[in-house]
Amino acid sequence: MKLSEMSSSLGYTAVQDQFQDRDIQHGYTSDLLSDVMANAAEGSVLITIQAHKNAVAVASMAGIAAIVICNSRPIPDDMLETARSECIAVFTTPKNQFTVSAEVYNRLQAE
């Protein structure tokens, strides 16, 4: 799945859409950023409720291509600015992490 397909096929809203349209092969769900750094696969999508610029910093270190912020959490401007400078896509959704994890997994398995 391409990053650009996350809005059209999964219904997530791109709130930071200045990114390289990379292929996503994995997803990782966690709110513990040290866990993300240690275990997330490069090029994956991070599914979390951590809506702050530290999540972007961790994503950048781990080579994560996109972050999906769940539960309609508000996303601060400094997070979006940091994501834009790192070319990391940021999406938002009212859905919870369990649902988003299942959707991303099912979409990736269908390919």
N, C-alpha and C. Protein backbone atom coordinates (compact mmCIF):
# COMPACT_ATOMS: atom_id res chain seq x y z
N MET A 1 0.85 -1.17 0.00
CA MET A 1 0.00 0.00 0.00
C MET A 1 0.90 1.23 0.00
N LYS A 2 0.56 2.17 -0.82
CA LYS A 2 1.25 3.46 -0.87
C LYS A 2 0.68 4.38 0.22
N LEU A 3 1.51 5.29 0.71
CA LEU A 3 1.04 6.27 1.70
C LEU A 3 -0.16 7.05 1.18
N SER A 4 -0.13 7.39 -0.09
CA SER A 4 -1.22 8.18 -0.67
C SER A 4 -2.56 7.44 -0.64
N GLU A 5 -2.53 6.12 -0.50
CA GLU A 5 -3.76 5.33 -0.48
C GLU A 5 -4.40 5.28 0.92
N MET A 6 -3.71 5.76 1.93
CA MET A 6 -4.25 5.67 3.29
C MET A 6 -5.52 6.49 3.45
N SER A 7 -5.58 7.62 2.77
CA SER A 7 -6.81 8.42 2.82
C SER A 7 -7.91 7.81 1.99
N SER A 8 -7.58 7.46 0.75
CA SER A 8 -8.62 6.97 -0.16
C SER A 8 -9.13 5.57 0.21
N SER A 9 -8.25 4.67 0.58
CA SER A 9 -8.72 3.31 0.84
C SER A 9 -9.09 3.04 2.29
N LEU A 10 -8.52 3.79 3.23
CA LEU A 10 -8.82 3.55 4.64
C LEU A 10 -9.62 4.68 5.29
N GLY A 11 -9.71 5.81 4.62
CA GLY A 11 -10.54 6.90 5.12
C GLY A 11 -9.89 7.79 6.16
N TYR A 12 -8.57 7.73 6.30
CA TYR A 12 -7.88 8.58 7.26
C TYR A 12 -7.64 9.95 6.64
N THR A 13 -7.63 10.98 7.46
CA THR A 13 -7.44 12.34 6.98
C THR A 13 -5.96 12.72 7.05
N ALA A 14 -5.39 13.09 5.92
CA ALA A 14 -3.99 13.53 5.88
C ALA A 14 -3.92 14.97 6.39
N VAL A 15 -3.25 15.17 7.52
CA VAL A 15 -3.10 16.51 8.07
C VAL A 15 -1.69 17.05 7.83
N GLN A 16 -0.78 16.18 7.42
CA GLN A 16 0.55 16.58 6.96
C GLN A 16 0.79 15.75 5.71
N ASP A 17 0.59 16.40 4.56
CA ASP A 17 0.59 15.65 3.31
C ASP A 17 1.78 15.97 2.41
N GLN A 18 2.85 16.49 2.99
CA GLN A 18 4.07 16.73 2.22
C GLN A 18 5.05 15.61 2.57
N PHE A 19 4.97 14.53 1.79
CA PHE A 19 5.78 13.35 2.06
C PHE A 19 6.09 12.64 0.75
N GLN A 20 7.11 11.81 0.80
CA GLN A 20 7.44 10.94 -0.33
C GLN A 20 6.45 9.79 -0.31
N ASP A 21 5.83 9.49 -1.43
CA ASP A 21 4.80 8.47 -1.50
C ASP A 21 5.42 7.08 -1.51
N ARG A 22 5.77 6.60 -0.32
CA ARG A 22 6.47 5.34 -0.15
C ARG A 22 5.49 4.18 -0.01
N ASP A 23 6.01 2.99 -0.25
CA ASP A 23 5.24 1.77 0.01
C ASP A 23 5.29 1.46 1.50
N ILE A 24 4.16 1.09 2.05
CA ILE A 24 4.07 0.66 3.44
C ILE A 24 3.98 -0.86 3.44
N GLN A 25 4.82 -1.50 4.22
CA GLN A 25 4.83 -2.95 4.30
C GLN A 25 4.43 -3.46 5.68
N HIS A 26 4.52 -2.57 6.68
CA HIS A 26 4.29 -2.97 8.07
C HIS A 26 3.55 -1.86 8.81
N GLY A 27 2.92 -2.24 9.90
CA GLY A 27 2.35 -1.30 10.83
C GLY A 27 2.87 -1.61 12.22
N TYR A 28 2.85 -0.62 13.09
CA TYR A 28 3.26 -0.84 14.47
C TYR A 28 2.38 0.02 15.37
N THR A 29 1.79 -0.60 16.37
CA THR A 29 0.89 0.10 17.28
C THR A 29 1.51 0.16 18.66
N SER A 30 1.73 1.38 19.13
CA SER A 30 2.29 1.56 20.47
C SER A 30 2.18 3.02 20.88
N ASP A 31 2.06 3.23 22.18
CA ASP A 31 2.11 4.58 22.74
C ASP A 31 3.38 4.80 23.54
N LEU A 32 4.18 3.77 23.67
CA LEU A 32 5.44 3.85 24.38
C LEU A 32 6.54 4.08 23.34
N LEU A 33 7.05 5.30 23.28
CA LEU A 33 7.95 5.66 22.19
C LEU A 33 9.26 4.89 22.22
N SER A 34 9.75 4.50 23.38
CA SER A 34 10.96 3.68 23.43
C SER A 34 10.70 2.31 22.81
N ASP A 35 9.50 1.80 22.97
CA ASP A 35 9.11 0.53 22.34
C ASP A 35 9.11 0.68 20.83
N VAL A 36 8.61 1.80 20.34
CA VAL A 36 8.58 2.06 18.90
C VAL A 36 10.01 2.09 18.35
N MET A 37 10.90 2.81 19.04
CA MET A 37 12.29 2.89 18.58
C MET A 37 12.94 1.52 18.51
N ALA A 38 12.63 0.67 19.46
CA ALA A 38 13.27 -0.64 19.53
C ALA A 38 12.68 -1.67 18.58
N ASN A 39 11.40 -1.52 18.21
CA ASN A 39 10.73 -2.63 17.53
C ASN A 39 10.04 -2.34 16.21
N ALA A 40 9.78 -1.10 15.89
CA ALA A 40 9.05 -0.79 14.66
C ALA A 40 9.96 -1.01 13.44
N ALA A 41 9.40 -1.58 12.40
CA ALA A 41 10.16 -1.81 11.17
C ALA A 41 10.28 -0.52 10.37
N GLU A 42 11.41 -0.38 9.71
CA GLU A 42 11.60 0.77 8.84
C GLU A 42 10.53 0.78 7.75
N GLY A 43 10.02 1.95 7.42
CA GLY A 43 9.01 2.09 6.39
C GLY A 43 7.60 1.75 6.85
N SER A 44 7.42 1.54 8.14
CA SER A 44 6.09 1.18 8.64
C SER A 44 5.26 2.41 8.93
N VAL A 45 4.02 2.17 9.29
CA VAL A 45 3.12 3.22 9.75
C VAL A 45 2.94 3.01 11.26
N LEU A 46 3.10 4.10 12.02
CA LEU A 46 2.93 4.06 13.46
C LEU A 46 1.50 4.44 13.80
N ILE A 47 0.84 3.59 14.56
CA ILE A 47 -0.55 3.81 14.99
C ILE A 47 -0.50 4.12 16.48
N THR A 48 -0.95 5.33 16.86
CA THR A 48 -0.76 5.80 18.22
C THR A 48 -1.76 6.89 18.59
N ILE A 49 -1.74 7.26 19.86
CA ILE A 49 -2.48 8.44 20.32
C ILE A 49 -1.52 9.54 20.76
N GLN A 50 -0.23 9.31 20.58
CA GLN A 50 0.81 10.26 20.99
C GLN A 50 0.91 11.39 19.96
N ALA A 51 0.13 12.44 20.20
CA ALA A 51 0.07 13.57 19.27
C ALA A 51 0.98 14.70 19.76
N HIS A 52 2.28 14.51 19.57
CA HIS A 52 3.25 15.55 19.91
C HIS A 52 4.52 15.32 19.10
N LYS A 53 5.38 16.33 19.09
CA LYS A 53 6.53 16.26 18.19
C LYS A 53 7.54 15.18 18.57
N ASN A 54 7.52 14.69 19.80
CA ASN A 54 8.42 13.58 20.16
C ASN A 54 8.08 12.32 19.37
N ALA A 55 6.81 12.13 19.04
CA ALA A 55 6.42 10.99 18.23
C ALA A 55 7.05 11.09 16.84
N VAL A 56 7.15 12.29 16.32
CA VAL A 56 7.78 12.50 15.01
C VAL A 56 9.28 12.24 15.11
N ALA A 57 9.90 12.69 16.18
CA ALA A 57 11.33 12.46 16.36
C ALA A 57 11.64 10.97 16.39
N VAL A 58 10.83 10.21 17.12
CA VAL A 58 11.01 8.76 17.19
C VAL A 58 10.76 8.13 15.82
N ALA A 59 9.72 8.57 15.15
CA ALA A 59 9.43 8.05 13.81
C ALA A 59 10.60 8.30 12.87
N SER A 60 11.18 9.47 12.95
CA SER A 60 12.32 9.80 12.10
C SER A 60 13.50 8.89 12.40
N MET A 61 13.81 8.68 13.68
CA MET A 61 14.93 7.81 14.06
C MET A 61 14.70 6.36 13.63
N ALA A 62 13.46 5.92 13.69
CA ALA A 62 13.14 4.52 13.36
C ALA A 62 12.87 4.30 11.87
N GLY A 63 12.86 5.37 11.08
CA GLY A 63 12.59 5.23 9.65
C GLY A 63 11.13 4.99 9.33
N ILE A 64 10.25 5.42 10.22
CA ILE A 64 8.81 5.26 10.02
C ILE A 64 8.32 6.29 9.01
N ALA A 65 7.48 5.84 8.08
CA ALA A 65 7.03 6.70 6.99
C ALA A 65 5.81 7.54 7.33
N ALA A 66 4.97 7.06 8.25
CA ALA A 66 3.72 7.76 8.55
C ALA A 66 3.28 7.48 9.98
N ILE A 67 2.51 8.42 10.50
CA ILE A 67 1.91 8.29 11.82
C ILE A 67 0.41 8.47 11.67
N VAL A 68 -0.36 7.55 12.26
CA VAL A 68 -1.82 7.70 12.32
C VAL A 68 -2.17 8.01 13.77
N ILE A 69 -2.75 9.17 13.98
CA ILE A 69 -3.19 9.59 15.32
C ILE A 69 -4.66 9.20 15.45
N CYS A 70 -4.95 8.38 16.45
CA CYS A 70 -6.29 7.83 16.64
C CYS A 70 -7.12 8.66 17.63
N ASN A 71 -8.40 8.31 17.71
CA ASN A 71 -9.35 8.90 18.67
C ASN A 71 -9.56 10.40 18.49
N SER A 72 -9.37 10.89 17.28
CA SER A 72 -9.57 12.32 16.97
C SER A 72 -8.79 13.25 17.89
N ARG A 73 -7.63 12.80 18.32
CA ARG A 73 -6.79 13.64 19.18
C ARG A 73 -6.37 14.89 18.41
N PRO A 74 -6.40 16.03 19.07
CA PRO A 74 -5.92 17.24 18.40
C PRO A 74 -4.41 17.15 18.16
N ILE A 75 -3.99 17.67 17.03
CA ILE A 75 -2.58 17.60 16.65
C ILE A 75 -2.00 19.01 16.68
N PRO A 76 -1.02 19.23 17.53
CA PRO A 76 -0.45 20.58 17.64
C PRO A 76 0.35 20.97 16.41
N ASP A 77 0.40 22.27 16.17
CA ASP A 77 1.11 22.80 15.01
C ASP A 77 2.59 22.42 15.01
N ASP A 78 3.23 22.39 16.19
CA ASP A 78 4.65 22.06 16.20
C ASP A 78 4.91 20.62 15.79
N MET A 79 3.96 19.74 16.04
CA MET A 79 4.10 18.36 15.56
C MET A 79 4.03 18.32 14.04
N LEU A 80 3.09 19.05 13.48
CA LEU A 80 2.94 19.08 12.02
C LEU A 80 4.15 19.72 11.34
N GLU A 81 4.68 20.77 11.95
CA GLU A 81 5.87 21.43 11.39
C GLU A 81 7.06 20.47 11.40
N THR A 82 7.23 19.76 12.50
CA THR A 82 8.34 18.80 12.60
C THR A 82 8.16 17.67 11.59
N ALA A 83 6.95 17.16 11.47
CA ALA A 83 6.67 16.09 10.50
C ALA A 83 6.92 16.58 9.08
N ARG A 84 6.53 17.79 8.79
CA ARG A 84 6.76 18.35 7.45
C ARG A 84 8.26 18.43 7.16
N SER A 85 9.03 18.89 8.13
CA SER A 85 10.47 19.02 7.91
C SER A 85 11.15 17.65 7.77
N GLU A 86 10.57 16.61 8.35
CA GLU A 86 11.11 15.25 8.26
C GLU A 86 10.46 14.43 7.14
N CYS A 87 9.49 15.02 6.42
CA CYS A 87 8.75 14.35 5.34
C CYS A 87 8.04 13.08 5.84
N ILE A 88 7.50 13.16 7.05
CA ILE A 88 6.72 12.06 7.62
C ILE A 88 5.25 12.41 7.52
N ALA A 89 4.48 11.55 6.90
CA ALA A 89 3.05 11.78 6.74
C ALA A 89 2.36 11.65 8.10
N VAL A 90 1.35 12.48 8.32
CA VAL A 90 0.55 12.39 9.55
C VAL A 90 -0.92 12.33 9.14
N PHE A 91 -1.60 11.31 9.64
CA PHE A 91 -3.02 11.11 9.39
C PHE A 91 -3.76 11.14 10.72
N THR A 92 -5.02 11.46 10.67
CA THR A 92 -5.86 11.42 11.85
C THR A 92 -7.14 10.65 11.54
N THR A 93 -7.72 10.09 12.59
CA THR A 93 -8.97 9.33 12.45
C THR A 93 -9.71 9.33 13.78
N PRO A 94 -11.02 9.26 13.74
CA PRO A 94 -11.78 9.12 14.99
C PRO A 94 -11.76 7.69 15.53
N LYS A 95 -11.26 6.76 14.74
CA LYS A 95 -11.26 5.35 15.14
C LYS A 95 -10.20 5.10 16.23
N ASN A 96 -10.40 4.01 16.98
CA ASN A 96 -9.43 3.67 18.02
C ASN A 96 -8.28 2.86 17.43
N GLN A 97 -7.25 2.64 18.24
CA GLN A 97 -6.04 1.98 17.78
C GLN A 97 -6.29 0.52 17.36
N PHE A 98 -7.16 -0.15 18.06
CA PHE A 98 -7.47 -1.55 17.71
C PHE A 98 -8.05 -1.63 16.30
N THR A 99 -9.01 -0.77 16.03
CA THR A 99 -9.67 -0.76 14.72
C THR A 99 -8.69 -0.39 13.62
N VAL A 100 -7.90 0.65 13.85
CA VAL A 100 -6.94 1.10 12.84
C VAL A 100 -5.89 0.02 12.59
N SER A 101 -5.43 -0.62 13.65
CA SER A 101 -4.44 -1.70 13.49
C SER A 101 -5.00 -2.81 12.61
N ALA A 102 -6.25 -3.19 12.86
CA ALA A 102 -6.89 -4.24 12.06
C ALA A 102 -7.05 -3.79 10.62
N GLU A 103 -7.45 -2.56 10.39
CA GLU A 103 -7.63 -2.07 9.02
C GLU A 103 -6.32 -2.06 8.25
N VAL A 104 -5.27 -1.55 8.88
CA VAL A 104 -3.97 -1.50 8.22
C VAL A 104 -3.48 -2.92 7.95
N TYR A 105 -3.58 -3.78 8.93
CA TYR A 105 -3.15 -5.17 8.75
C TYR A 105 -3.91 -5.84 7.60
N ASN A 106 -5.22 -5.73 7.62
CA ASN A 106 -6.02 -6.36 6.56
C ASN A 106 -5.70 -5.81 5.18
N ARG A 107 -5.48 -4.52 5.09
CA ARG A 107 -5.15 -3.90 3.80
C ARG A 107 -3.79 -4.39 3.30
N LEU A 108 -2.82 -4.50 4.20
CA LEU A 108 -1.50 -4.97 3.81
C LEU A 108 -1.52 -6.44 3.42
N GLN A 109 -2.33 -7.24 4.10
CA GLN A 109 -2.43 -8.67 3.79
C GLN A 109 -3.12 -8.91 2.45
N ALA A 110 -3.98 -7.99 2.05
CA ALA A 110 -4.72 -8.14 0.79
C ALA A 110 -3.83 -7.93 -0.44
N GLU A 111 -2.68 -7.38 -0.23
CA GLU A 111 -1.79 -7.08 -1.37
C GLU A 111 -0.95 -8.26 -1.77
